[in-house]
Amino acid sequence: MNKSKETSRLTWVLPAIAIVFAMVVVAVSLPADQADADSPTSGTCGDGVVWSFDSASGTLSVTYTGSGTGKMADIDDPNKSEYAYLYKNIDNIVIGEGVTYVGKMAFCGFEAKTITLPSTVVELGESCFEKNKITSIDLKNVVTIRKQALDYTDITSVVIPSTVKIIDDYAFDECQHLAVVDTSGATSLEKIGHAAFVTSAITSFYVPATVTSLGTGIFVECFNLTSIDVDDANPNYVDVDGVVYTPDMKTVLMYPSARACESYVIPDTVTTIATAAFATGYKIGAITIPETITEIPEAAFQKCTALKTIKIPNTVTSIGGFAFTDCMGIENIDFSGTTVLKSIGNGAFLGNEKLKTVEIPACVTFVGERVFAYCSALESISIDSSNQYYTTVDGVLYDKKMETLMQFPAASKITDFTVPSTVKTVNVNSFTNLKNLASLTFPDNVTTIGDATTSSSYGQSPLLRISIGNGLTEFTGPDPFVDHYFLDENGNKMKQTVQNLKGHTFVGTDIHHMYIDDTPRDEGFPVWAIVVVVIVALVAVVGVVMWKRSR
């Protein structure tokens, strides 16, 4: 081949290859919503319902094209809608007349700043506008607001119109800027679902006369809420100084989080405390539970951080899960005189950071997991010796057969602990917020270690030696030693699996740098060796004496 022709060909072939390669690289590196210039700007989103996007204004419009009215379709994954690639480009969502229903997850996770509804929309589907950046919305003629429809939005105020009948569970959950919910004209409102306004900024709330159903935990973590006012004409609920009860005063339903009270006495007419009734009542200094109460339900007093002591009445038979969780001011749990308490649920006193000691009564037959986890000041747990189901040794809680280790007190004085030889299972969160424990050994008899067995809410721990026996068969969760980082000989973080960890001892200078060190511990001169030495010495002495006598 002619050299000049070959050189000439190379002069255009090589640049062409380079250009094609560059185009491929650029196309691959572009975000998904920009990579395809031919991505659709219109399409369908329901039977007879279409969408279109105007890039100039950043507006996505939804229109019904048939006669009469139509609904948007539900979707299970917002990333799979035809317009999902536009989620960061959409500033405005406009639903056109004729559309009656905004589909489930239709715009979940989008970043729209305005949403316009038509007069025909009567239902907002589950999570339809979740996490959008809107600060307000005109609900027009909406009748039903489904679960999480507007949660995690930036709404600051909302008027509930006369058409609305249902505000479903978590409908306005985590709307942290929501300061005003105007229900004064909500003359058709029948239901407010569970946790509907959790973590909002509202200061007061009016329950209309038409409401027949109030869910649990509606206003949990509404730290500005001082009163809940029930319309005097409501036949289903009443309020007494801003606290909501049933009309017969037998059930206490809701206590406003920011209602200040040095000491609150639950009326002795009350026989039932609703789930989460007093949760996050952070200004309650003390509370009296009457002996008409037989059950303390789940999360009843969760995060009542100003409580210092709690007396469990002799009539109470069960304490529900997380009933007193994160009551960080509690210093004393008084079980004295308790003879009928049978059950203490999971996490019931979790996170009671000032609790130093506790005694479990003889009558208790069930203690859940994590009951005293993250109780940072807890030095010991004791239990009545006549209890047939549980026992304690050196302040550590076990089942009666000592086959399950349930809780090691965070502030125990023990610095070097070996799980007893009878124990097969170590529960979840058994070693949390440790203050003094530096060395922990799981011998071969331990087969199961619970998730987050060791963890600290402070992100640090004195526990710098962990030894795991060869009998281990199961971790009940993905991260049994939270906050601890186990490294191989090359300094790489090891995944916390049974295969990786069992049979090894990990030692470090801090919890983030713990290396395998399987060198046997120097346990001092063993007892059996001392006995042997003594016997040998005695035999030697006797031998010498007999030898001298024989001479």
Protein backbone atom coordinates (compact mmCIF):
# COMPACT_ATOMS: atom_id res chain seq x y z
CA MET A 1 0.00 0.00 0.00
CA ASN A 2 1.13 3.47 -0.77
CA LYS A 3 2.55 5.03 2.37
CA SER A 4 1.16 8.45 1.62
CA LYS A 5 -2.34 7.02 1.19
CA GLU A 6 -2.06 5.09 4.46
CA THR A 7 -0.91 8.21 6.26
CA SER A 8 -3.72 10.21 4.70
CA ARG A 9 -6.27 7.66 5.83
CA LEU A 10 -4.95 7.69 9.38
CA THR A 11 -5.26 11.46 9.50
CA TRP A 12 -9.06 11.20 9.36
CA VAL A 13 -9.67 7.73 10.85
CA LEU A 14 -7.93 8.38 14.16
CA PRO A 15 -9.71 11.70 14.86
CA ALA A 16 -13.01 10.07 13.94
CA ILE A 17 -12.41 7.25 16.43
CA ALA A 18 -11.44 9.80 19.09
CA ILE A 19 -14.63 11.81 18.49
CA VAL A 20 -16.83 8.72 18.69
CA PHE A 21 -15.09 7.62 21.88
CA ALA A 22 -15.56 11.07 23.43
CA MET A 23 -19.25 11.05 22.54
CA VAL A 24 -19.69 7.66 24.21
CA VAL A 25 -17.90 8.84 27.34
CA VAL A 26 -20.01 12.00 27.53
CA ALA A 27 -23.24 10.05 26.99
CA VAL A 28 -22.37 7.53 29.69
CA SER A 29 -21.38 10.23 32.15
CA LEU A 30 -24.56 12.30 31.71
CA PRO A 31 -27.26 11.98 34.43
CA ALA A 32 -30.17 9.76 33.48
CA ASP A 33 -32.50 12.74 33.10
CA GLN A 34 -30.18 14.43 30.59
CA ALA A 35 -28.59 11.56 28.71
CA ASP A 36 -31.43 11.06 26.25
CA ALA A 37 -32.31 14.19 24.31
CA ASP A 38 -35.33 12.32 22.97
CA SER A 39 -36.83 11.67 26.41
CA PRO A 40 -40.60 12.20 26.21
CA THR A 41 -42.16 15.48 27.25
CA SER A 42 -45.67 14.07 27.21
CA GLY A 43 -47.42 10.79 27.77
CA THR A 44 -50.22 9.00 29.62
CA CYS A 45 -50.72 8.57 33.37
CA GLY A 46 -54.16 7.02 33.56
CA ASP A 47 -57.17 6.02 31.49
CA GLY A 48 -57.74 9.11 29.37
CA VAL A 49 -55.34 11.10 31.56
CA VAL A 50 -52.25 12.60 29.91
CA TRP A 51 -49.27 14.61 31.09
CA SER A 52 -47.07 17.18 29.38
CA PHE A 53 -43.99 19.13 30.42
CA ASP A 54 -43.12 22.71 29.52
CA SER A 55 -39.39 23.15 30.07
CA ALA A 56 -39.55 26.94 29.79
CA SER A 57 -41.77 27.29 32.87
CA GLY A 58 -40.81 24.03 34.57
CA THR A 59 -44.49 23.06 34.65
CA LEU A 60 -45.87 19.54 34.42
CA SER A 61 -49.56 19.53 33.54
CA VAL A 62 -51.98 16.63 33.99
CA THR A 63 -55.08 16.72 31.81
CA TYR A 64 -58.13 14.52 31.34
CA THR A 65 -58.91 14.11 27.66
CA GLY A 66 -62.17 12.16 27.82
CA SER A 67 -65.70 13.25 28.50
CA GLY A 68 -66.71 13.60 32.13
CA THR A 69 -64.00 12.82 34.68
CA GLY A 70 -61.06 10.43 35.09
CA LYS A 71 -58.42 9.25 37.53
CA MET A 72 -54.64 9.20 37.50
CA ALA A 73 -53.16 5.71 37.75
CA ASP A 74 -51.47 4.41 40.89
CA ILE A 75 -47.80 3.48 40.74
CA ASP A 76 -45.72 1.48 43.20
CA ASP A 77 -42.37 3.03 42.31
CA PRO A 78 -42.15 6.75 41.52
CA ASN A 79 -38.88 6.13 39.67
CA LYS A 80 -40.76 4.17 37.02
CA SER A 81 -43.28 6.77 35.92
CA GLU A 82 -42.91 8.15 32.38
CA TYR A 83 -41.90 11.55 33.74
CA ALA A 84 -39.65 10.34 36.57
CA TYR A 85 -36.53 11.64 34.81
CA LEU A 86 -37.92 15.17 35.22
CA TYR A 87 -38.17 15.07 39.01
CA LYS A 88 -35.55 17.79 39.52
CA ASN A 89 -36.77 19.93 36.65
CA ILE A 90 -40.41 20.22 37.68
CA ASP A 91 -41.11 23.43 39.61
CA ASN A 92 -44.88 23.43 39.20
CA ILE A 93 -47.49 20.69 39.04
CA VAL A 94 -50.87 21.62 37.60
CA ILE A 95 -53.70 19.09 37.76
CA GLY A 96 -56.38 19.98 35.22
CA GLU A 97 -60.17 20.01 35.52
CA GLY A 98 -61.79 16.64 35.08
CA VAL A 99 -59.15 14.74 37.06
CA THR A 100 -60.72 13.38 40.25
CA TYR A 101 -57.87 11.40 41.77
CA VAL A 102 -54.12 12.03 42.11
CA GLY A 103 -52.52 8.59 41.90
CA LYS A 104 -50.58 6.80 44.59
CA MET A 105 -46.93 7.96 44.52
CA ALA A 106 -47.62 9.99 41.38
CA PHE A 107 -45.14 12.73 42.35
CA CYS A 108 -43.46 11.19 45.41
CA GLY A 109 -39.95 12.56 45.94
CA PHE A 110 -40.28 15.32 43.33
CA GLU A 111 -39.14 18.88 44.08
CA ALA A 112 -42.10 20.92 42.91
CA LYS A 113 -42.53 24.31 44.59
CA THR A 114 -46.21 24.79 43.68
CA ILE A 115 -49.09 22.37 43.23
CA THR A 116 -52.41 23.45 41.74
CA LEU A 117 -55.48 21.29 42.18
CA PRO A 118 -58.72 21.62 40.21
CA SER A 119 -62.21 21.71 41.67
CA THR A 120 -62.76 18.13 40.50
CA VAL A 121 -60.06 16.40 42.59
CA VAL A 122 -61.71 14.63 45.52
CA GLU A 123 -58.93 12.29 46.59
CA LEU A 124 -55.18 12.61 47.08
CA GLY A 125 -53.63 9.15 46.77
CA GLU A 126 -51.10 7.63 49.16
CA SER A 127 -47.75 9.47 49.10
CA CYS A 128 -48.80 11.37 45.97
CA PHE A 129 -46.97 14.61 46.89
CA GLU A 130 -44.62 13.26 49.55
CA LYS A 131 -41.35 15.21 49.98
CA ASN A 132 -42.19 17.97 47.51
CA LYS A 133 -40.94 21.48 48.26
CA ILE A 134 -44.35 23.17 48.41
CA THR A 135 -45.03 25.68 51.18
CA SER A 136 -48.81 25.79 50.70
CA ILE A 137 -51.63 24.00 48.92
CA ASP A 138 -55.27 24.86 48.23
CA LEU A 139 -57.23 21.66 48.82
CA LYS A 140 -60.29 23.01 47.00
CA ASN A 141 -62.92 20.24 47.11
CA VAL A 142 -60.77 17.35 48.32
CA VAL A 143 -62.70 14.77 50.36
CA THR A 144 -59.99 12.24 51.24
CA ILE A 145 -56.31 12.80 52.03
CA ARG A 146 -54.66 9.37 51.99
CA LYS A 147 -51.66 8.10 53.93
CA GLN A 148 -48.54 10.23 53.63
CA ALA A 149 -50.10 12.25 50.82
CA LEU A 150 -48.38 15.46 51.94
CA ASP A 151 -45.81 14.26 54.46
CA TYR A 152 -42.26 15.64 54.50
CA THR A 153 -43.34 18.72 52.54
CA ASP A 154 -42.43 22.30 53.45
CA ILE A 155 -46.04 23.40 54.00
CA THR A 156 -46.32 26.18 56.58
CA SER A 157 -50.11 26.37 56.83
CA VAL A 158 -53.13 24.56 55.50
CA VAL A 159 -56.88 25.15 55.54
CA ILE A 160 -58.96 21.98 55.80
CA PRO A 161 -62.05 22.77 53.70
CA SER A 162 -65.63 21.80 54.41
CA THR A 163 -65.43 18.94 51.90
CA VAL A 164 -62.71 16.93 53.67
CA LYS A 165 -63.96 13.84 55.50
CA ILE A 166 -60.76 11.84 56.01
CA ILE A 167 -57.24 12.85 56.97
CA ASP A 168 -55.51 9.48 56.87
CA ASP A 169 -52.55 8.11 58.82
CA TYR A 170 -49.33 10.15 58.49
CA ALA A 171 -51.03 12.52 56.01
CA PHE A 172 -48.97 15.53 57.19
CA ASP A 173 -46.26 13.57 59.02
CA GLU A 174 -42.90 15.35 59.39
CA CYS A 175 -44.13 18.66 57.98
CA GLN A 176 -41.80 20.45 60.33
CA HIS A 177 -42.73 23.96 59.15
CA LEU A 178 -46.48 23.40 59.45
CA ALA A 179 -47.50 25.96 62.10
CA VAL A 180 -51.21 26.43 61.32
CA VAL A 181 -53.86 23.81 60.56
CA ASP A 182 -57.18 25.61 60.21
CA THR A 183 -60.06 23.19 60.84
CA SER A 184 -62.60 25.86 61.78
CA GLY A 185 -64.49 25.29 58.54
CA ALA A 186 -63.98 21.53 58.37
CA THR A 187 -67.65 20.79 58.89
CA SER A 188 -67.52 17.32 57.28
CA LEU A 189 -64.34 16.02 58.92
CA GLU A 190 -64.90 12.56 60.40
CA LYS A 191 -61.49 10.94 60.77
CA ILE A 192 -57.98 12.02 61.72
CA GLY A 193 -55.65 9.04 61.37
CA HIS A 194 -52.70 7.78 63.38
CA ALA A 195 -49.72 10.14 63.56
CA ALA A 196 -51.39 12.48 61.06
CA PHE A 197 -49.49 15.60 62.20
CA VAL A 198 -46.39 14.13 63.87
CA THR A 199 -43.47 16.58 64.24
CA SER A 200 -45.33 19.63 62.99
CA ALA A 201 -44.94 23.13 64.45
CA ILE A 202 -48.60 23.72 65.35
CA THR A 203 -49.36 25.48 68.65
CA SER A 204 -53.04 24.55 68.97
CA PHE A 205 -55.58 22.33 67.25
CA TYR A 206 -59.38 22.40 67.00
CA VAL A 207 -61.33 19.13 66.74
CA PRO A 208 -64.67 19.82 64.99
CA ALA A 209 -67.98 18.47 66.23
CA THR A 210 -68.23 16.04 63.30
CA VAL A 211 -65.10 14.01 64.15
CA THR A 212 -65.90 10.41 65.06
CA SER A 213 -62.44 8.83 64.89
CA LEU A 214 -59.14 10.05 66.34
CA GLY A 215 -56.08 7.90 65.74
CA THR A 216 -53.21 7.39 68.18
CA GLY A 217 -50.12 9.57 68.35
CA ILE A 218 -51.63 12.25 66.10
CA PHE A 219 -49.53 15.04 67.61
CA VAL A 220 -46.44 13.19 68.89
CA GLU A 221 -43.35 15.43 68.80
CA CYS A 222 -45.41 18.55 68.15
CA PHE A 223 -43.23 20.40 70.62
CA ASN A 224 -45.11 23.71 70.30
CA LEU A 225 -48.59 22.27 70.87
CA THR A 226 -50.06 23.59 74.13
CA SER A 227 -53.73 22.66 73.75
CA ILE A 228 -56.17 20.50 71.84
CA ASP A 229 -59.66 21.99 71.80
CA VAL A 230 -62.66 19.76 71.15
CA ASP A 231 -65.88 21.36 70.00
CA ASP A 232 -68.44 21.31 72.82
CA ALA A 233 -70.98 19.74 70.47
CA ASN A 234 -68.76 16.74 69.69
CA PRO A 235 -70.48 13.65 71.18
CA ASN A 236 -67.40 11.42 70.86
CA TYR A 237 -64.63 13.38 72.57
CA VAL A 238 -64.08 16.04 75.21
CA ASP A 239 -61.13 18.06 76.35
CA VAL A 240 -60.26 19.01 79.90
CA ASP A 241 -57.79 21.87 79.98
CA GLY A 242 -56.51 20.89 76.55
CA VAL A 243 -56.21 17.15 77.29
CA VAL A 244 -58.49 14.86 75.25
CA TYR A 245 -60.68 12.15 76.82
CA THR A 246 -63.69 10.08 75.87
CA PRO A 247 -66.95 11.68 77.12
CA ASP A 248 -67.25 9.20 80.01
CA MET A 249 -63.72 10.16 81.13
CA LYS A 250 -62.71 6.49 81.11
CA THR A 251 -60.01 6.84 78.44
CA VAL A 252 -57.31 9.49 78.20
CA LEU A 253 -56.39 9.91 74.54
CA MET A 254 -53.98 12.79 73.98
CA TYR A 255 -51.87 15.14 76.05
CA PRO A 256 -50.36 18.15 74.18
CA SER A 257 -46.56 17.92 74.10
CA ALA A 258 -45.93 21.52 75.19
CA ARG A 259 -48.60 21.69 77.90
CA ALA A 260 -46.68 22.71 81.02
CA CYS A 261 -47.53 20.87 84.22
CA GLU A 262 -45.38 20.28 87.31
CA SER A 263 -47.51 17.33 88.33
CA TYR A 264 -50.34 15.76 86.35
CA VAL A 265 -52.86 13.48 88.03
CA ILE A 266 -54.77 11.16 85.75
CA PRO A 267 -58.39 11.17 87.03
CA ASP A 268 -59.42 8.02 88.88
CA THR A 269 -62.34 7.63 86.46
CA VAL A 270 -59.82 6.62 83.81
CA THR A 271 -59.41 2.89 83.18
CA THR A 272 -57.56 3.09 79.87
CA ILE A 273 -54.56 5.06 78.67
CA ALA A 274 -54.43 5.22 74.87
CA THR A 275 -51.28 4.29 72.95
CA ALA A 276 -48.83 7.20 72.99
CA ALA A 277 -51.31 9.31 74.97
CA PHE A 278 -48.62 11.26 76.86
CA ALA A 279 -45.75 10.65 74.43
CA THR A 280 -43.31 13.59 74.12
CA GLY A 281 -45.06 15.48 76.93
CA TYR A 282 -41.71 17.00 77.75
CA LYS A 283 -43.06 19.53 80.29
CA ILE A 284 -44.72 17.01 82.64
CA GLY A 285 -42.64 17.07 85.83
CA ALA A 286 -44.49 14.20 87.56
CA ILE A 287 -47.45 11.99 86.85
CA THR A 288 -49.82 10.01 89.04
CA ILE A 289 -51.27 6.85 87.55
CA PRO A 290 -54.40 5.79 89.43
CA GLU A 291 -55.10 2.23 90.58
CA THR A 292 -57.94 2.03 88.09
CA ILE A 293 -55.33 1.39 85.39
CA THR A 294 -54.47 -2.24 84.59
CA GLU A 295 -52.32 -1.74 81.49
CA ILE A 296 -49.76 0.87 80.49
CA PRO A 297 -49.80 0.69 76.68
CA GLU A 298 -47.13 1.01 74.04
CA ALA A 299 -45.29 4.35 74.00
CA ALA A 300 -47.69 5.78 76.59
CA PHE A 301 -45.08 8.06 78.22
CA GLN A 302 -42.31 7.89 75.65
CA LYS A 303 -39.97 10.90 75.71
CA CYS A 304 -41.55 12.50 78.77
CA THR A 305 -38.10 13.84 79.51
CA ALA A 306 -38.94 15.88 82.63
CA LEU A 307 -40.26 12.91 84.64
CA LYS A 308 -37.97 12.04 87.56
CA THR A 309 -39.78 9.11 89.12
CA ILE A 310 -42.57 6.76 88.19
CA LYS A 311 -44.73 4.68 90.53
CA ILE A 312 -46.26 1.58 88.98
CA PRO A 313 -49.64 0.95 90.67
CA ASN A 314 -50.34 -2.48 92.14
CA THR A 315 -53.21 -2.91 89.66
CA VAL A 316 -51.01 -2.82 86.54
CA THR A 317 -50.55 -6.22 84.89
CA SER A 318 -48.52 -5.16 81.84
CA ILE A 319 -46.21 -2.40 80.68
CA GLY A 320 -46.23 -2.09 76.90
CA GLY A 321 -43.30 -1.84 74.54
CA PHE A 322 -41.38 1.46 74.72
CA ALA A 323 -43.86 2.77 77.31
CA PHE A 324 -41.20 4.90 79.05
CA THR A 325 -38.53 4.97 76.34
CA ASP A 326 -36.21 8.00 76.38
CA CYS A 327 -37.59 9.37 79.64
CA MET A 328 -34.12 10.70 80.22
CA GLY A 329 -34.89 12.33 83.56
CA ILE A 330 -36.23 9.22 85.34
CA GLU A 331 -34.04 8.33 88.32
CA ASN A 332 -36.35 5.85 90.02
CA ILE A 333 -38.91 3.24 88.94
CA ASP A 334 -40.97 2.29 91.96
CA PHE A 335 -42.31 -1.26 91.73
CA SER A 336 -42.88 -1.53 95.47
CA GLY A 337 -46.12 -3.28 96.34
CA THR A 338 -46.48 -4.56 92.79
CA THR A 339 -47.89 -8.08 92.92
CA VAL A 340 -49.80 -8.55 89.67
CA LEU A 341 -47.38 -7.20 87.05
CA LYS A 342 -46.72 -9.98 84.55
CA SER A 343 -45.22 -8.40 81.47
CA ILE A 344 -42.65 -5.69 80.70
CA GLY A 345 -42.52 -5.10 76.94
CA ASN A 346 -39.60 -4.55 74.58
CA GLY A 347 -37.67 -1.35 75.23
CA ALA A 348 -40.03 -0.31 78.01
CA PHE A 349 -37.37 1.76 79.83
CA LEU A 350 -34.84 2.08 77.02
CA GLY A 351 -32.77 5.26 77.14
CA ASN A 352 -33.57 6.23 80.75
CA GLU A 353 -30.16 7.82 81.12
CA LYS A 354 -30.35 8.71 84.83
CA LEU A 355 -31.67 5.40 86.12
CA LYS A 356 -29.01 3.83 88.39
CA THR A 357 -30.68 0.76 89.86
CA VAL A 358 -33.88 -1.17 89.33
CA GLU A 359 -35.52 -4.16 91.00
CA ILE A 360 -37.85 -6.40 89.02
CA PRO A 361 -40.70 -7.84 91.12
CA ALA A 362 -41.20 -11.55 91.79
CA CYS A 363 -44.51 -11.59 89.90
CA VAL A 364 -43.03 -10.72 86.48
CA THR A 365 -43.18 -13.61 84.00
CA PHE A 366 -42.05 -11.83 80.81
CA VAL A 367 -39.29 -9.29 80.22
CA GLY A 368 -38.83 -8.22 76.59
CA GLU A 369 -35.66 -7.35 74.76
CA ARG A 370 -33.85 -4.02 75.26
CA VAL A 371 -35.92 -3.14 78.32
CA PHE A 372 -32.94 -1.34 79.93
CA ALA A 373 -30.78 -0.73 76.85
CA TYR A 374 -28.99 2.62 76.63
CA CYS A 375 -29.63 3.32 80.33
CA SER A 376 -26.23 4.96 80.64
CA ALA A 377 -26.15 5.33 84.45
CA LEU A 378 -27.53 1.85 85.24
CA GLU A 379 -25.11 0.15 87.63
CA SER A 380 -27.06 -2.99 88.43
CA ILE A 381 -30.31 -4.84 87.87
CA SER A 382 -31.77 -6.86 90.71
CA ILE A 383 -34.71 -9.20 90.84
CA ASP A 384 -36.69 -10.71 93.65
CA SER A 385 -35.10 -14.07 94.49
CA SER A 386 -38.48 -15.80 94.35
CA ASN A 387 -38.99 -14.87 90.69
CA GLN A 388 -39.32 -18.13 88.77
CA TYR A 389 -38.44 -16.79 85.32
CA TYR A 390 -35.43 -14.48 85.67
CA THR A 391 -32.31 -14.04 87.73
CA THR A 392 -29.38 -11.65 88.10
CA VAL A 393 -25.72 -12.33 88.82
CA ASP A 394 -23.43 -9.39 89.61
CA GLY A 395 -26.19 -7.07 88.42
CA VAL A 396 -26.48 -8.75 84.99
CA LEU A 397 -29.95 -9.94 83.92
CA TYR A 398 -30.51 -13.51 82.65
CA ASP A 399 -33.39 -15.89 82.18
CA LYS A 400 -33.78 -18.30 85.11
CA LYS A 401 -31.78 -21.10 83.45
CA MET A 402 -29.06 -18.61 82.54
CA GLU A 403 -29.25 -19.66 78.91
CA THR A 404 -29.99 -16.12 77.68
CA LEU A 405 -28.08 -12.99 78.67
CA MET A 406 -30.65 -10.21 78.53
CA GLN A 407 -28.94 -7.05 79.78
CA PHE A 408 -25.52 -6.00 81.03
CA PRO A 409 -25.88 -2.72 83.00
CA ALA A 410 -24.17 0.10 81.13
CA ALA A 411 -22.47 1.57 84.20
CA SER A 412 -21.51 -1.73 85.85
CA LYS A 413 -18.14 -1.58 87.61
CA ILE A 414 -17.07 -4.78 85.85
CA THR A 415 -14.21 -4.13 83.43
CA ASP A 416 -13.51 -7.67 82.19
CA PHE A 417 -16.52 -9.88 81.52
CA THR A 418 -16.84 -13.41 80.22
CA VAL A 419 -20.32 -14.60 79.33
CA PRO A 420 -21.16 -17.55 81.63
CA SER A 421 -20.71 -21.08 80.33
CA THR A 422 -24.46 -21.80 80.44
CA VAL A 423 -25.45 -18.98 78.08
CA LYS A 424 -26.36 -19.83 74.50
CA THR A 425 -28.00 -16.57 73.39
CA VAL A 426 -27.00 -12.95 73.93
CA ASN A 427 -29.92 -10.62 73.26
CA VAL A 428 -30.09 -7.56 71.04
CA ASN A 429 -28.65 -4.39 72.66
CA SER A 430 -27.31 -6.34 75.64
CA PHE A 431 -24.14 -4.24 75.97
CA THR A 432 -25.02 -0.60 75.21
CA ASN A 433 -23.55 2.76 76.26
CA LEU A 434 -20.86 0.99 78.27
CA LYS A 435 -18.97 3.06 80.80
CA ASN A 436 -16.33 0.72 82.24
CA LEU A 437 -16.33 -2.60 80.40
CA ALA A 438 -13.05 -2.91 78.51
CA SER A 439 -12.94 -6.62 77.66
CA LEU A 440 -15.80 -8.91 76.59
CA THR A 441 -15.50 -12.64 75.88
CA PHE A 442 -18.12 -14.80 74.19
CA PRO A 443 -16.99 -18.38 74.88
CA ASP A 444 -17.70 -21.40 72.67
CA ASN A 445 -21.06 -22.06 74.32
CA VAL A 446 -22.56 -18.85 72.85
CA THR A 447 -24.30 -19.73 69.57
CA THR A 448 -26.41 -16.62 68.93
CA ILE A 449 -25.55 -12.93 69.30
CA GLY A 450 -28.28 -10.33 68.83
CA ASP A 451 -28.18 -7.36 66.49
CA ALA A 452 -26.45 -4.26 67.86
CA THR A 453 -25.39 -6.22 70.92
CA THR A 454 -22.74 -3.63 71.57
CA SER A 455 -23.61 -0.08 70.54
CA SER A 456 -23.30 3.40 71.92
CA SER A 457 -25.47 6.45 71.39
CA TYR A 458 -22.28 8.46 71.95
CA GLY A 459 -20.31 6.75 69.18
CA GLN A 460 -17.53 5.74 71.55
CA SER A 461 -16.90 2.94 74.02
CA PRO A 462 -14.26 1.69 76.47
CA LEU A 463 -14.74 -1.81 75.03
CA LEU A 464 -11.46 -2.41 73.19
CA ARG A 465 -11.19 -6.19 73.39
CA ILE A 466 -13.86 -8.53 71.99
CA SER A 467 -13.29 -12.28 71.83
CA ILE A 468 -15.72 -14.49 69.93
CA GLY A 469 -15.79 -18.27 70.42
CA ASN A 470 -15.98 -21.02 67.83
CA GLY A 471 -19.51 -22.05 68.79
CA LEU A 472 -21.15 -19.02 67.15
CA THR A 473 -23.72 -19.93 64.47
CA GLU A 474 -25.89 -16.83 64.12
CA PHE A 475 -26.02 -13.05 64.27
CA THR A 476 -29.68 -11.95 64.41
CA GLY A 477 -28.93 -8.75 62.48
CA PRO A 478 -26.42 -7.24 60.05
CA ASP A 479 -24.45 -5.18 62.56
CA PRO A 480 -23.96 -7.00 65.88
CA PHE A 481 -21.13 -4.75 67.04
CA VAL A 482 -22.38 -1.28 66.11
CA ASP A 483 -19.70 1.44 66.22
CA HIS A 484 -16.92 -1.17 66.30
CA TYR A 485 -14.81 -1.61 63.18
CA PHE A 486 -13.02 -4.93 62.80
CA LEU A 487 -10.01 -4.74 60.47
CA ASP A 488 -8.01 -7.45 58.78
CA GLU A 489 -4.22 -7.60 58.66
CA ASN A 490 -4.24 -5.08 55.79
CA GLY A 491 -6.39 -2.58 57.67
CA ASN A 492 -9.50 -3.25 55.60
CA LYS A 493 -12.89 -3.17 57.33
CA MET A 494 -14.37 -6.64 57.71
CA LYS A 495 -18.03 -7.35 57.17
CA GLN A 496 -19.55 -8.53 60.45
CA THR A 497 -20.47 -12.08 59.48
CA VAL A 498 -20.25 -15.26 61.54
CA GLN A 499 -17.64 -16.65 59.16
CA ASN A 500 -15.43 -13.56 59.47
CA LEU A 501 -15.63 -13.04 63.23
CA LYS A 502 -16.03 -16.35 65.02
CA GLY A 503 -12.94 -17.82 66.60
CA HIS A 504 -11.18 -14.47 66.66
CA THR A 505 -10.22 -11.91 69.26
CA PHE A 506 -10.19 -8.26 68.25
CA VAL A 507 -8.09 -5.70 70.09
CA GLY A 508 -7.66 -2.02 69.37
CA THR A 509 -6.62 1.36 70.69
CA ASP A 510 -10.06 2.72 69.78
CA ILE A 511 -13.34 1.25 68.51
CA HIS A 512 -12.61 2.26 64.92
CA HIS A 513 -9.32 0.34 64.71
CA MET A 514 -9.69 -3.17 66.12
CA TYR A 515 -7.42 -5.83 64.68
CA ILE A 516 -7.35 -9.60 64.98
CA ASP A 517 -5.16 -10.66 67.88
CA ASP A 518 -5.66 -14.35 68.59
CA THR A 519 -2.72 -14.54 70.95
CA PRO A 520 -3.85 -16.45 74.08
CA ARG A 521 -4.38 -14.17 77.04
CA ASP A 522 -1.99 -14.30 79.93
CA GLU A 523 -4.37 -15.54 82.59
CA GLY A 524 -1.65 -15.86 85.23
CA PHE A 525 -0.39 -19.13 86.70
CA PRO A 526 -3.27 -21.65 86.43
CA VAL A 527 -4.67 -23.18 89.60
CA TRP A 528 -4.07 -26.76 88.45
CA ALA A 529 -0.39 -25.96 87.92
CA ILE A 530 -0.13 -24.54 91.42
CA VAL A 531 -1.67 -27.74 92.81
CA VAL A 532 0.81 -29.86 90.85
CA VAL A 533 3.74 -27.79 92.08
CA VAL A 534 2.56 -28.09 95.69
CA ILE A 535 2.16 -31.89 95.36
CA VAL A 536 5.57 -32.26 93.74
CA ALA A 537 7.12 -30.13 96.47
CA LEU A 538 5.46 -32.22 99.20
CA VAL A 539 6.61 -35.45 97.57
CA ALA A 540 10.12 -34.05 97.31
CA VAL A 541 10.15 -33.04 100.96
CA VAL A 542 8.83 -36.45 102.05
CA GLY A 543 11.42 -38.11 99.83
CA VAL A 544 14.26 -36.11 101.33
CA VAL A 545 13.10 -36.86 104.89
CA MET A 546 12.81 -40.58 104.18
CA TRP A 547 16.21 -40.61 102.49
CA LYS A 548 17.86 -38.96 105.48
CA ARG A 549 16.21 -41.44 107.86
CA SER A 550 17.37 -44.35 105.78
CA ARG A 551 20.94 -43.22 106.23
